[in-house]
Amino acid sequence: MQPSPHTIPSGAPRQHRSPRAARRIALITAAGVLAAGGASLALAAPGSAATVAHGAHAAAARPNATGTGLADSHKKEIAMELVSSAENSSLDWKAQYKYIEDIGDGRGYTAGIIGFCSGTGDMLEVVQHYQDLKPGNILAKYIPALQKVNGTDSHTGLGTAFVNDWKTAAKDTVFQQAQNDERDSVYFNPAVNQAKTDGLGTLGQFIYYDAMVMHGPGDDSVSFGGIRKTAMKKAKTPAQGGDETTYLNAYLDARKAAMLTEAAHDDTSRVDTEQRVFLKAGNLNLDPPLKWKTYGDSYQILTLP
């Protein structure tokens, strides 16, 4: 699927997730550990440490591909886990293909690996792309309804049947690919490309990507482009000859201010106790071990995936 313009309905900037609460993933075994994709994931309970031990030898970190940024698959995996810690209170982002619920934020259903919304157009794009990849799939019949509810919080033509079929579709690797493609074409690639243009390294690329996921593309004051413009009024990007740390601090200040304009996002921990922690440590390359908190829960990534 070619990247398509991602239009956010007026009055509904794409800040889609509220704090974790009911979305904690109930997949923890008695030992508090589940296996996913070859990695052991210790999911955080409030106040506990969530540790990702990648591979059989967690203590032996792989060499880092310095300078490649999030183009490096290991660093991209870290970015996915960091976003998932804030979006789903879980580091197992691949378990989120099946996630779907209406969180009452005026954007209809929120679903999938980064929270595609029925009211903001990207859920429709995912399902249309799935139809392109696999005509006649289980979700194809909902395309007309998704077109009608776009820009609203309506469930008309969707409802329980759609929720159940979304979860069924999530078992299909083709649908998983459709979600991955939408994430990359609309959010990940544009954010990383803009960060590279601005002269930012791995941490800066991740900071841009996380903002793109929550706020969506666009140039208004609470969308990605508007936040960037606000930051650039305070500090020059490295590409403009500015200091990277100074600029990223300005960007995070602007991001936090945008978050505080909406009650559902008045918890700014994904900035304060995650991204700002890495920045203060001077970890511009986003190298593990990484330790952070989102919504009060503690997480760790010990090694490169």
C-alpha atoms as a PDB file:
ATOM      1  CA  MET A   1       0.000   0.000   0.000  1.00  0.00           C
ATOM      2  CA  GLN A   2       1.305   3.411  -0.926  1.00  0.00           C
ATOM      3  CA  PRO A   3       1.373   5.977   1.892  1.00  0.00           C
ATOM      4  CA  SER A   4      -1.879   7.887   1.835  1.00  0.00           C
ATOM      5  CA  PRO A   5      -2.715  11.276   3.326  1.00  0.00           C
ATOM      6  CA  HIS A   6      -3.701  10.726   6.932  1.00  0.00           C
ATOM      7  CA  THR A   7      -6.420  13.232   7.670  1.00  0.00           C
ATOM      8  CA  ILE A   8      -7.429  13.681  11.279  1.00  0.00           C
ATOM      9  CA  PRO A   9     -11.053  14.778  11.681  1.00  0.00           C
ATOM     10  CA  SER A  10     -11.451  18.264  13.085  1.00  0.00           C
ATOM     11  CA  GLY A  11     -11.499  18.229  16.856  1.00  0.00           C
ATOM     12  CA  ALA A  12     -10.006  14.747  17.070  1.00  0.00           C
ATOM     13  CA  PRO A  13      -6.202  14.896  16.931  1.00  0.00           C
ATOM     14  CA  ARG A  14      -4.768  11.438  17.008  1.00  0.00           C
ATOM     15  CA  GLN A  15      -3.938  11.228  20.699  1.00  0.00           C
ATOM     16  CA  HIS A  16      -5.700   7.965  21.113  1.00  0.00           C
ATOM     17  CA  ARG A  17      -4.658   6.156  24.250  1.00  0.00           C
ATOM     18  CA  SER A  18      -5.564   6.861  27.827  1.00  0.00           C
ATOM     19  CA  PRO A  19      -3.472   5.452  30.717  1.00  0.00           C
ATOM     20  CA  ARG A  20      -3.167   1.675  30.945  1.00  0.00           C
ATOM     21  CA  ALA A  21      -5.900   0.736  33.480  1.00  0.00           C
ATOM     22  CA  ALA A  22      -8.136  -1.860  31.777  1.00  0.00           C
ATOM     23  CA  ARG A  23      -5.708  -2.642  28.974  1.00  0.00           C
ATOM     24  CA  ARG A  24      -3.174  -4.618  30.994  1.00  0.00           C
ATOM     25  CA  ILE A  25      -2.452  -7.770  29.057  1.00  0.00           C
ATOM     26  CA  ALA A  26      -3.665 -10.811  30.993  1.00  0.00           C
ATOM     27  CA  LEU A  27      -1.153 -13.251  29.573  1.00  0.00           C
ATOM     28  CA  ILE A  28       1.144 -13.666  32.555  1.00  0.00           C
ATOM     29  CA  THR A  29       1.798 -17.180  33.734  1.00  0.00           C
ATOM     30  CA  ALA A  30       2.027 -18.126  37.394  1.00  0.00           C
ATOM     31  CA  ALA A  31       5.696 -17.202  37.244  1.00  0.00           C
ATOM     32  CA  GLY A  32       4.885 -13.846  35.685  1.00  0.00           C
ATOM     33  CA  VAL A  33       6.654 -14.671  32.447  1.00  0.00           C
ATOM     34  CA  LEU A  34       5.450 -15.404  28.942  1.00  0.00           C
ATOM     35  CA  ALA A  35       7.336 -16.359  25.840  1.00  0.00           C
ATOM     36  CA  ALA A  36       6.837 -14.389  22.652  1.00  0.00           C
ATOM     37  CA  GLY A  37       8.883 -14.599  19.501  1.00  0.00           C
ATOM     38  CA  GLY A  38      11.757 -16.257  21.295  1.00  0.00           C
ATOM     39  CA  ALA A  39      12.042 -13.579  23.967  1.00  0.00           C
ATOM     40  CA  SER A  40      11.129 -13.956  27.613  1.00  0.00           C
ATOM     41  CA  LEU A  41       8.976 -11.050  28.660  1.00  0.00           C
ATOM     42  CA  ALA A  42       8.448 -10.256  32.311  1.00  0.00           C
ATOM     43  CA  LEU A  43       5.440  -7.964  32.235  1.00  0.00           C
ATOM     44  CA  ALA A  44       5.314  -5.226  34.811  1.00  0.00           C
ATOM     45  CA  ALA A  45       2.938  -5.160  37.704  1.00  0.00           C
ATOM     46  CA  PRO A  46       2.572  -1.725  39.317  1.00  0.00           C
ATOM     47  CA  GLY A  47       5.778  -0.849  41.070  1.00  0.00           C
ATOM     48  CA  SER A  48       7.688  -3.890  39.809  1.00  0.00           C
ATOM     49  CA  ALA A  49      10.477  -4.155  37.254  1.00  0.00           C
ATOM     50  CA  ALA A  50       9.597  -5.548  33.839  1.00  0.00           C
ATOM     51  CA  THR A  51      12.666  -7.111  32.277  1.00  0.00           C
ATOM     52  CA  VAL A  52      13.205  -8.171  28.696  1.00  0.00           C
ATOM     53  CA  ALA A  53      15.925 -10.803  28.449  1.00  0.00           C
ATOM     54  CA  HIS A  54      16.494 -11.305  24.731  1.00  0.00           C
ATOM     55  CA  GLY A  55      17.862 -14.665  23.661  1.00  0.00           C
ATOM     56  CA  ALA A  56      19.564 -17.340  25.709  1.00  0.00           C
ATOM     57  CA  HIS A  57      22.402 -15.146  26.893  1.00  0.00           C
ATOM     58  CA  ALA A  58      20.838 -11.949  28.187  1.00  0.00           C
ATOM     59  CA  ALA A  59      24.058 -10.770  29.754  1.00  0.00           C
ATOM     60  CA  ALA A  60      25.954 -10.764  26.486  1.00  0.00           C
ATOM     61  CA  ALA A  61      24.858  -7.721  24.485  1.00  0.00           C
ATOM     62  CA  ARG A  62      25.342  -7.831  20.752  1.00  0.00           C
ATOM     63  CA  PRO A  63      27.550  -5.190  19.133  1.00  0.00           C
ATOM     64  CA  ASN A  64      25.621  -2.075  18.204  1.00  0.00           C
ATOM     65  CA  ALA A  65      25.357  -0.847  14.644  1.00  0.00           C
ATOM     66  CA  THR A  66      26.368   2.709  15.449  1.00  0.00           C
ATOM     67  CA  GLY A  67      24.982   5.369  13.175  1.00  0.00           C
ATOM     68  CA  THR A  68      22.230   3.323  11.533  1.00  0.00           C
ATOM     69  CA  GLY A  69      19.530   4.631  13.854  1.00  0.00           C
ATOM     70  CA  LEU A  70      16.144   2.947  13.765  1.00  0.00           C
ATOM     71  CA  ALA A  71      16.997   1.504  10.356  1.00  0.00           C
ATOM     72  CA  ASP A  72      18.821  -1.125  12.413  1.00  0.00           C
ATOM     73  CA  SER A  73      16.323  -3.931  13.039  1.00  0.00           C
ATOM     74  CA  HIS A  74      17.472  -4.354  16.648  1.00  0.00           C
ATOM     75  CA  LYS A  75      16.885  -0.703  17.420  1.00  0.00           C
ATOM     76  CA  LYS A  76      13.536  -0.760  15.636  1.00  0.00           C
ATOM     77  CA  GLU A  77      12.493  -3.658  17.854  1.00  0.00           C
ATOM     78  CA  ILE A  78      13.456  -1.602  20.903  1.00  0.00           C
ATOM     79  CA  ALA A  79      11.344   1.274  19.590  1.00  0.00           C
ATOM     80  CA  MET A  80       8.346  -1.042  19.180  1.00  0.00           C
ATOM     81  CA  GLU A  81       8.725  -2.299  22.757  1.00  0.00           C
ATOM     82  CA  LEU A  82       9.102   1.204  24.184  1.00  0.00           C
ATOM     83  CA  VAL A  83       5.920   2.373  22.468  1.00  0.00           C
ATOM     84  CA  SER A  84       4.074  -0.744  23.592  1.00  0.00           C
ATOM     85  CA  SER A  85       5.040  -0.119  27.208  1.00  0.00           C
ATOM     86  CA  ALA A  86       3.138   3.162  27.039  1.00  0.00           C
ATOM     87  CA  GLU A  87       0.341   2.056  24.741  1.00  0.00           C
ATOM     88  CA  ASN A  88      -0.436  -1.343  26.249  1.00  0.00           C
ATOM     89  CA  SER A  89       1.530  -1.673  29.507  1.00  0.00           C
ATOM     90  CA  SER A  90       3.366  -4.563  27.890  1.00  0.00           C
ATOM     91  CA  LEU A  91       6.645  -4.961  26.074  1.00  0.00           C
ATOM     92  CA  ASP A  92       5.143  -7.689  23.906  1.00  0.00           C
ATOM     93  CA  TRP A  93       3.981  -5.476  21.044  1.00  0.00           C
ATOM     94  CA  LYS A  94       3.254  -8.461  18.806  1.00  0.00           C
ATOM     95  CA  ALA A  95       0.515  -9.544  21.193  1.00  0.00           C
ATOM     96  CA  GLN A  96      -1.368  -6.340  20.310  1.00  0.00           C
ATOM     97  CA  TYR A  97      -2.466  -7.266  16.779  1.00  0.00           C
ATOM     98  CA  LYS A  98      -5.693  -8.553  18.339  1.00  0.00           C
ATOM     99  CA  TYR A  99      -6.236  -5.631  20.720  1.00  0.00           C
ATOM    100  CA  ILE A 100      -9.464  -3.677  20.163  1.00  0.00           C
ATOM    101  CA  GLU A 101     -11.757  -1.591  22.367  1.00  0.00           C
ATOM    102  CA  ASP A 102     -13.502   1.746  22.584  1.00  0.00           C
ATOM    103  CA  ILE A 103     -11.662   3.678  25.278  1.00  0.00           C
ATOM    104  CA  GLY A 104     -14.198   6.484  25.297  1.00  0.00           C
ATOM    105  CA  ASP A 105     -11.977   9.175  23.812  1.00  0.00           C
ATOM    106  CA  GLY A 106     -14.330  10.139  20.977  1.00  0.00           C
ATOM    107  CA  ARG A 107     -12.369   8.241  18.311  1.00  0.00           C
ATOM    108  CA  GLY A 108     -14.447   5.085  18.146  1.00  0.00           C
ATOM    109  CA  TYR A 109     -12.584   1.798  18.323  1.00  0.00           C
ATOM    110  CA  THR A 110      -8.868   1.796  19.088  1.00  0.00           C
ATOM    111  CA  ALA A 111      -7.099  -1.347  17.907  1.00  0.00           C
ATOM    112  CA  GLY A 112      -3.937  -3.068  16.818  1.00  0.00           C
ATOM    113  CA  ILE A 113      -0.242  -2.579  17.364  1.00  0.00           C
ATOM    114  CA  ILE A 114      -0.271   1.214  17.648  1.00  0.00           C
ATOM    115  CA  GLY A 115      -3.946   1.904  18.233  1.00  0.00           C
ATOM    116  CA  PHE A 116      -5.508   2.430  14.824  1.00  0.00           C
ATOM    117  CA  CYS A 117      -8.824   4.263  15.276  1.00  0.00           C
ATOM    118  CA  SER A 118     -12.138   3.848  13.490  1.00  0.00           C
ATOM    119  CA  GLY A 119     -12.751   7.560  13.901  1.00  0.00           C
ATOM    120  CA  THR A 120      -9.460   8.817  12.474  1.00  0.00           C
ATOM    121  CA  GLY A 121      -9.169   6.904   9.215  1.00  0.00           C
ATOM    122  CA  ASP A 122      -6.168   4.695   9.808  1.00  0.00           C
ATOM    123  CA  MET A 123      -8.224   1.673  10.873  1.00  0.00           C
ATOM    124  CA  LEU A 124     -10.051   1.946   7.562  1.00  0.00           C
ATOM    125  CA  GLU A 125      -6.711   2.101   5.759  1.00  0.00           C
ATOM    126  CA  VAL A 126      -5.527  -1.059   7.548  1.00  0.00           C
ATOM    127  CA  VAL A 127      -8.644  -2.995   6.580  1.00  0.00           C
ATOM    128  CA  GLN A 128      -8.520  -1.714   2.984  1.00  0.00           C
ATOM    129  CA  HIS A 129      -4.887  -2.769   2.728  1.00  0.00           C
ATOM    130  CA  TYR A 130      -5.792  -6.173   4.145  1.00  0.00           C
ATOM    131  CA  GLN A 131      -8.390  -6.449   1.380  1.00  0.00           C
ATOM    132  CA  ASP A 132      -5.721  -5.556  -1.188  1.00  0.00           C
ATOM    133  CA  LEU A 133      -3.438  -8.268   0.165  1.00  0.00           C
ATOM    134  CA  LYS A 134      -6.138 -10.868   0.745  1.00  0.00           C
ATOM    135  CA  PRO A 135      -9.412 -10.190  -1.084  1.00  0.00           C
ATOM    136  CA  GLY A 136     -12.547 -11.497   0.592  1.00  0.00           C
ATOM    137  CA  ASN A 137     -11.037 -11.686   4.059  1.00  0.00           C
ATOM    138  CA  ILE A 138     -13.127 -11.713   7.232  1.00  0.00           C
ATOM    139  CA  LEU A 139     -12.980  -7.915   7.668  1.00  0.00           C
ATOM    140  CA  ALA A 140     -13.718  -6.907   4.069  1.00  0.00           C
ATOM    141  CA  LYS A 141     -17.467  -6.662   4.709  1.00  0.00           C
ATOM    142  CA  TYR A 142     -16.877  -3.876   7.254  1.00  0.00           C
ATOM    143  CA  ILE A 143     -15.217  -1.457   4.826  1.00  0.00           C
ATOM    144  CA  PRO A 144     -18.469   0.409   3.999  1.00  0.00           C
ATOM    145  CA  ALA A 145     -19.248   0.804   7.714  1.00  0.00           C
ATOM    146  CA  LEU A 146     -15.717   2.006   8.482  1.00  0.00           C
ATOM    147  CA  GLN A 147     -16.059   4.576   5.710  1.00  0.00           C
ATOM    148  CA  LYS A 148     -19.306   5.849   7.214  1.00  0.00           C
ATOM    149  CA  VAL A 149     -18.059   6.111  10.815  1.00  0.00           C
ATOM    150  CA  ASN A 150     -14.766   7.800   9.890  1.00  0.00           C
ATOM    151  CA  GLY A 151     -14.581  11.103  11.720  1.00  0.00           C
ATOM    152  CA  THR A 152     -17.002   9.977  14.430  1.00  0.00           C
ATOM    153  CA  ASP A 153     -17.113   7.735  17.482  1.00  0.00           C
ATOM    154  CA  SER A 154     -19.998   5.688  16.047  1.00  0.00           C
ATOM    155  CA  HIS A 155     -20.124   1.882  16.136  1.00  0.00           C
ATOM    156  CA  THR A 156     -22.847   1.697  13.486  1.00  0.00           C
ATOM    157  CA  GLY A 157     -22.323  -1.348  11.300  1.00  0.00           C
ATOM    158  CA  LEU A 158     -19.482  -2.573  13.513  1.00  0.00           C
ATOM    159  CA  GLY A 159     -20.218  -3.608  17.111  1.00  0.00           C
ATOM    160  CA  THR A 160     -19.520  -6.977  18.712  1.00  0.00           C
ATOM    161  CA  ALA A 161     -19.334  -8.813  15.403  1.00  0.00           C
ATOM    162  CA  PHE A 162     -16.572  -6.509  14.176  1.00  0.00           C
ATOM    163  CA  VAL A 163     -14.668  -6.775  17.453  1.00  0.00           C
ATOM    164  CA  ASN A 164     -14.760 -10.570  17.304  1.00  0.00           C
ATOM    165  CA  ASP A 165     -13.786 -10.665  13.640  1.00  0.00           C
ATOM    166  CA  TRP A 166     -10.864  -8.273  14.271  1.00  0.00           C
ATOM    167  CA  LYS A 167      -9.545 -10.672  16.898  1.00  0.00           C
ATOM    168  CA  THR A 168      -9.960 -13.587  14.509  1.00  0.00           C
ATOM    169  CA  ALA A 169      -8.209 -11.713  11.703  1.00  0.00           C
ATOM    170  CA  ALA A 170      -5.316 -10.916  14.038  1.00  0.00           C
ATOM    171  CA  LYS A 171      -4.278 -14.572  13.889  1.00  0.00           C
ATOM    172  CA  ASP A 172      -3.691 -14.171  10.141  1.00  0.00           C
ATOM    173  CA  THR A 173      -0.114 -13.204   9.276  1.00  0.00           C
ATOM    174  CA  VAL A 174      -1.440 -11.289   6.260  1.00  0.00           C
ATOM    175  CA  PHE A 175      -3.491  -9.051   8.561  1.00  0.00           C
ATOM    176  CA  GLN A 176      -0.475  -8.633  10.806  1.00  0.00           C
ATOM    177  CA  GLN A 177       1.469  -7.500   7.751  1.00  0.00           C
ATOM    178  CA  ALA A 178      -1.284  -5.034   6.893  1.00  0.00           C
ATOM    179  CA  GLN A 179      -0.945  -3.504  10.360  1.00  0.00           C
ATOM    180  CA  ASN A 180       2.843  -3.402  10.052  1.00  0.00           C
ATOM    181  CA  ASP A 181       2.618  -1.718   6.660  1.00  0.00           C
ATOM    182  CA  GLU A 182       0.234   0.975   7.911  1.00  0.00           C
ATOM    183  CA  ARG A 183       2.413   1.624  10.931  1.00  0.00           C
ATOM    184  CA  ASP A 184       5.500   1.992   8.789  1.00  0.00           C
ATOM    185  CA  SER A 185       4.058   3.996   5.898  1.00  0.00           C
ATOM    186  CA  VAL A 186       2.048   6.503   7.952  1.00  0.00           C
ATOM    187  CA  TYR A 187       3.957   6.746  11.232  1.00  0.00           C
ATOM    188  CA  PHE A 188       7.356   5.068  11.486  1.00  0.00           C
ATOM    189  CA  ASN A 189       8.934   5.924   8.138  1.00  0.00           C
ATOM    190  CA  PRO A 190       7.781   9.580   8.022  1.00  0.00           C
ATOM    191  CA  ALA A 191       8.924  10.148  11.605  1.00  0.00           C
ATOM    192  CA  VAL A 192      12.329   8.535  11.094  1.00  0.00           C
ATOM    193  CA  ASN A 193      12.900  10.269   7.756  1.00  0.00           C
ATOM    194  CA  GLN A 194      12.069  13.671   9.265  1.00  0.00           C
ATOM    195  CA  ALA A 195      14.367  12.965  12.204  1.00  0.00           C
ATOM    196  CA  LYS A 196      17.211  12.083   9.844  1.00  0.00           C
ATOM    197  CA  THR A 197      16.570  15.280   7.880  1.00  0.00           C
ATOM    198  CA  ASP A 198      16.792  17.190  11.165  1.00  0.00           C
ATOM    199  CA  GLY A 199      20.115  15.513  11.922  1.00  0.00           C
ATOM    200  CA  LEU A 200      18.862  13.400  14.814  1.00  0.00           C
ATOM    201  CA  GLY A 201      20.291  10.090  15.935  1.00  0.00           C
ATOM    202  CA  THR A 202      18.548   6.982  17.225  1.00  0.00           C
ATOM    203  CA  LEU A 203      16.988   8.495  20.335  1.00  0.00           C
ATOM    204  CA  GLY A 204      15.707  11.491  18.398  1.00  0.00           C
ATOM    205  CA  GLN A 205      14.249   9.214  15.751  1.00  0.00           C
ATOM    206  CA  PHE A 206      12.413   7.290  18.454  1.00  0.00           C
ATOM    207  CA  ILE A 207      11.175  10.496  20.105  1.00  0.00           C
ATOM    208  CA  TYR A 208       9.721  11.607  16.778  1.00  0.00           C
ATOM    209  CA  TYR A 209       8.135   8.207  16.158  1.00  0.00           C
ATOM    210  CA  ASP A 210       6.496   8.037  19.576  1.00  0.00           C
ATOM    211  CA  ALA A 211       5.074  11.515  19.064  1.00  0.00           C
ATOM    212  CA  MET A 212       3.786  10.562  15.614  1.00  0.00           C
ATOM    213  CA  VAL A 213       2.001   7.530  17.101  1.00  0.00           C
ATOM    214  CA  MET A 214       0.236   9.549  19.786  1.00  0.00           C
ATOM    215  CA  HIS A 215      -0.387  12.869  18.034  1.00  0.00           C
ATOM    216  CA  GLY A 216      -0.595  11.842  14.384  1.00  0.00           C
ATOM    217  CA  PRO A 217       0.733  13.579  11.283  1.00  0.00           C
ATOM    218  CA  GLY A 218      -0.409  17.129  10.727  1.00  0.00           C
ATOM    219  CA  ASP A 219       0.639  20.726  11.263  1.00  0.00           C
ATOM    220  CA  ASP A 220      -1.792  21.940  13.915  1.00  0.00           C
ATOM    221  CA  SER A 221      -0.331  22.762  17.328  1.00  0.00           C
ATOM    222  CA  VAL A 222      -1.039  19.357  18.879  1.00  0.00           C
ATOM    223  CA  SER A 223      -0.001  17.206  15.915  1.00  0.00           C
ATOM    224  CA  PHE A 224       3.500  16.027  15.079  1.00  0.00           C
ATOM    225  CA  GLY A 225       4.312  18.838  12.657  1.00  0.00           C
ATOM    226  CA  GLY A 226       3.027  21.538  14.978  1.00  0.00           C
ATOM    227  CA  ILE A 227       5.011  20.186  17.908  1.00  0.00           C
ATOM    228  CA  ARG A 228       8.148  20.193  15.788  1.00  0.00           C
ATOM    229  CA  LYS A 229       7.534  23.789  14.696  1.00  0.00           C
ATOM    230  CA  THR A 230       7.082  24.867  18.316  1.00  0.00           C
ATOM    231  CA  ALA A 231      10.353  23.190  19.274  1.00  0.00           C
ATOM    232  CA  MET A 232      12.210  24.819  16.389  1.00  0.00           C
ATOM    233  CA  LYS A 233      11.181  28.243  17.666  1.00  0.00           C
ATOM    234  CA  LYS A 234      13.110  27.463  20.850  1.00  0.00           C
ATOM    235  CA  ALA A 235      16.138  25.601  19.505  1.00  0.00           C
ATOM    236  CA  LYS A 236      17.874  24.773  16.232  1.00  0.00           C
ATOM    237  CA  THR A 237      17.960  21.222  14.963  1.00  0.00           C
ATOM    238  CA  PRO A 238      21.399  19.613  14.515  1.00  0.00           C
ATOM    239  CA  ALA A 239      20.899  20.024  10.762  1.00  0.00           C
ATOM    240  CA  GLN A 240      20.587  23.762  11.375  1.00  0.00           C
ATOM    241  CA  GLY A 241      23.766  23.766  13.436  1.00  0.00           C
ATOM    242  CA  GLY A 242      22.099  23.325  16.818  1.00  0.00           C
ATOM    243  CA  ASP A 243      22.998  21.026  19.678  1.00  0.00           C
ATOM    244  CA  GLU A 244      21.106  17.724  19.540  1.00  0.00           C
ATOM    245  CA  THR A 245      20.417  17.474  23.270  1.00  0.00           C
ATOM    246  CA  THR A 246      19.258  21.080  23.490  1.00  0.00           C
ATOM    247  CA  TYR A 247      16.902  20.612  20.577  1.00  0.00           C
ATOM    248  CA  LEU A 248      15.479  17.332  21.884  1.00  0.00           C
ATOM    249  CA  ASN A 249      14.799  18.946  25.261  1.00  0.00           C
ATOM    250  CA  ALA A 250      12.902  21.698  23.449  1.00  0.00           C
ATOM    251  CA  TYR A 251      10.991  19.092  21.480  1.00  0.00           C
ATOM    252  CA  LEU A 252      10.013  17.161  24.593  1.00  0.00           C
ATOM    253  CA  ASP A 253       8.899  20.411  26.233  1.00  0.00           C
ATOM    254  CA  ALA A 254       6.650  21.113  23.238  1.00  0.00           C
ATOM    255  CA  ARG A 255       5.380  17.521  23.197  1.00  0.00           C
ATOM    256  CA  LYS A 256       4.500  17.646  26.885  1.00  0.00           C
ATOM    257  CA  ALA A 257       2.629  20.903  26.429  1.00  0.00           C
ATOM    258  CA  ALA A 258       0.620  19.341  23.586  1.00  0.00           C
ATOM    259  CA  MET A 259      -0.241  16.316  25.728  1.00  0.00           C
ATOM    260  CA  LEU A 260      -1.503  18.522  28.534  1.00  0.00           C
ATOM    261  CA  THR A 261      -4.110  20.086  26.269  1.00  0.00           C
ATOM    262  CA  GLU A 262      -6.152  16.881  26.511  1.00  0.00           C
ATOM    263  CA  ALA A 263      -7.337  15.464  29.836  1.00  0.00           C
ATOM    264  CA  ALA A 264      -6.842  11.869  28.703  1.00  0.00           C
ATOM    265  CA  HIS A 265      -3.118  12.548  28.336  1.00  0.00           C
ATOM    266  CA  ASP A 266      -2.353  14.545  31.433  1.00  0.00           C
ATOM    267  CA  ASP A 267      -0.069  11.709  32.516  1.00  0.00           C
ATOM    268  CA  THR A 268       3.117  12.650  30.678  1.00  0.00           C
ATOM    269  CA  SER A 269       5.277   9.852  32.029  1.00  0.00           C
ATOM    270  CA  ARG A 270       6.207   8.558  28.577  1.00  0.00           C
ATOM    271  CA  VAL A 271       8.083  11.865  28.251  1.00  0.00           C
ATOM    272  CA  ASP A 272       9.125  12.506  31.853  1.00  0.00           C
ATOM    273  CA  THR A 273      10.169   9.062  33.064  1.00  0.00           C
ATOM    274  CA  GLU A 274      11.032   7.447  29.744  1.00  0.00           C
ATOM    275  CA  GLN A 275      12.369   9.650  26.964  1.00  0.00           C
ATOM    276  CA  ARG A 276      13.719  12.397  29.198  1.00  0.00           C
ATOM    277  CA  VAL A 277      15.548   9.765  31.258  1.00  0.00           C
ATOM    278  CA  PHE A 278      17.401   8.515  28.197  1.00  0.00           C
ATOM    279  CA  LEU A 279      18.165  12.059  27.101  1.00  0.00           C
ATOM    280  CA  LYS A 280      19.498  13.122  30.506  1.00  0.00           C
ATOM    281  CA  ALA A 281      21.740  10.070  30.500  1.00  0.00           C
ATOM    282  CA  GLY A 282      23.191  11.197  27.171  1.00  0.00           C
ATOM    283  CA  ASN A 283      22.033   7.970  25.542  1.00  0.00           C
ATOM    284  CA  LEU A 284      21.492   9.479  22.107  1.00  0.00           C
ATOM    285  CA  ASN A 285      22.075   6.114  20.460  1.00  0.00           C
ATOM    286  CA  LEU A 286      19.370   4.406  22.559  1.00  0.00           C
ATOM    287  CA  ASP A 287      21.737   1.691  23.681  1.00  0.00           C
ATOM    288  CA  PRO A 288      20.655  -0.895  26.263  1.00  0.00           C
ATOM    289  CA  PRO A 289      20.505  -1.455  29.120  1.00  0.00           C
ATOM    290  CA  LEU A 290      17.470   0.837  29.233  1.00  0.00           C
ATOM    291  CA  LYS A 291      15.382   1.455  32.335  1.00  0.00           C
ATOM    292  CA  TRP A 292      12.223   3.557  32.368  1.00  0.00           C
ATOM    293  CA  LYS A 293       8.704   3.974  33.716  1.00  0.00           C
ATOM    294  CA  THR A 294       5.364   4.601  32.053  1.00  0.00           C
ATOM    295  CA  TYR A 295       2.238   5.218  34.107  1.00  0.00           C
ATOM    296  CA  GLY A 296       4.183   4.225  37.216  1.00  0.00           C
ATOM    297  CA  ASP A 297       5.245   0.788  35.958  1.00  0.00           C
ATOM    298  CA  SER A 298       8.946  -0.013  35.664  1.00  0.00           C
ATOM    299  CA  TYR A 299      10.543  -1.669  32.636  1.00  0.00           C
ATOM    300  CA  GLN A 300      13.992  -2.738  31.484  1.00  0.00           C
ATOM    301  CA  ILE A 301      15.557  -3.818  28.206  1.00  0.00           C
ATOM    302  CA  LEU A 302      18.876  -5.387  29.082  1.00  0.00           C
ATOM    303  CA  THR A 303      20.318  -6.179  25.666  1.00  0.00           C
ATOM    304  CA  LEU A 304      19.750  -5.617  21.989  1.00  0.00           C
ATOM    305  CA  PRO A 305      16.960  -7.869  20.706  1.00  0.00           C
END
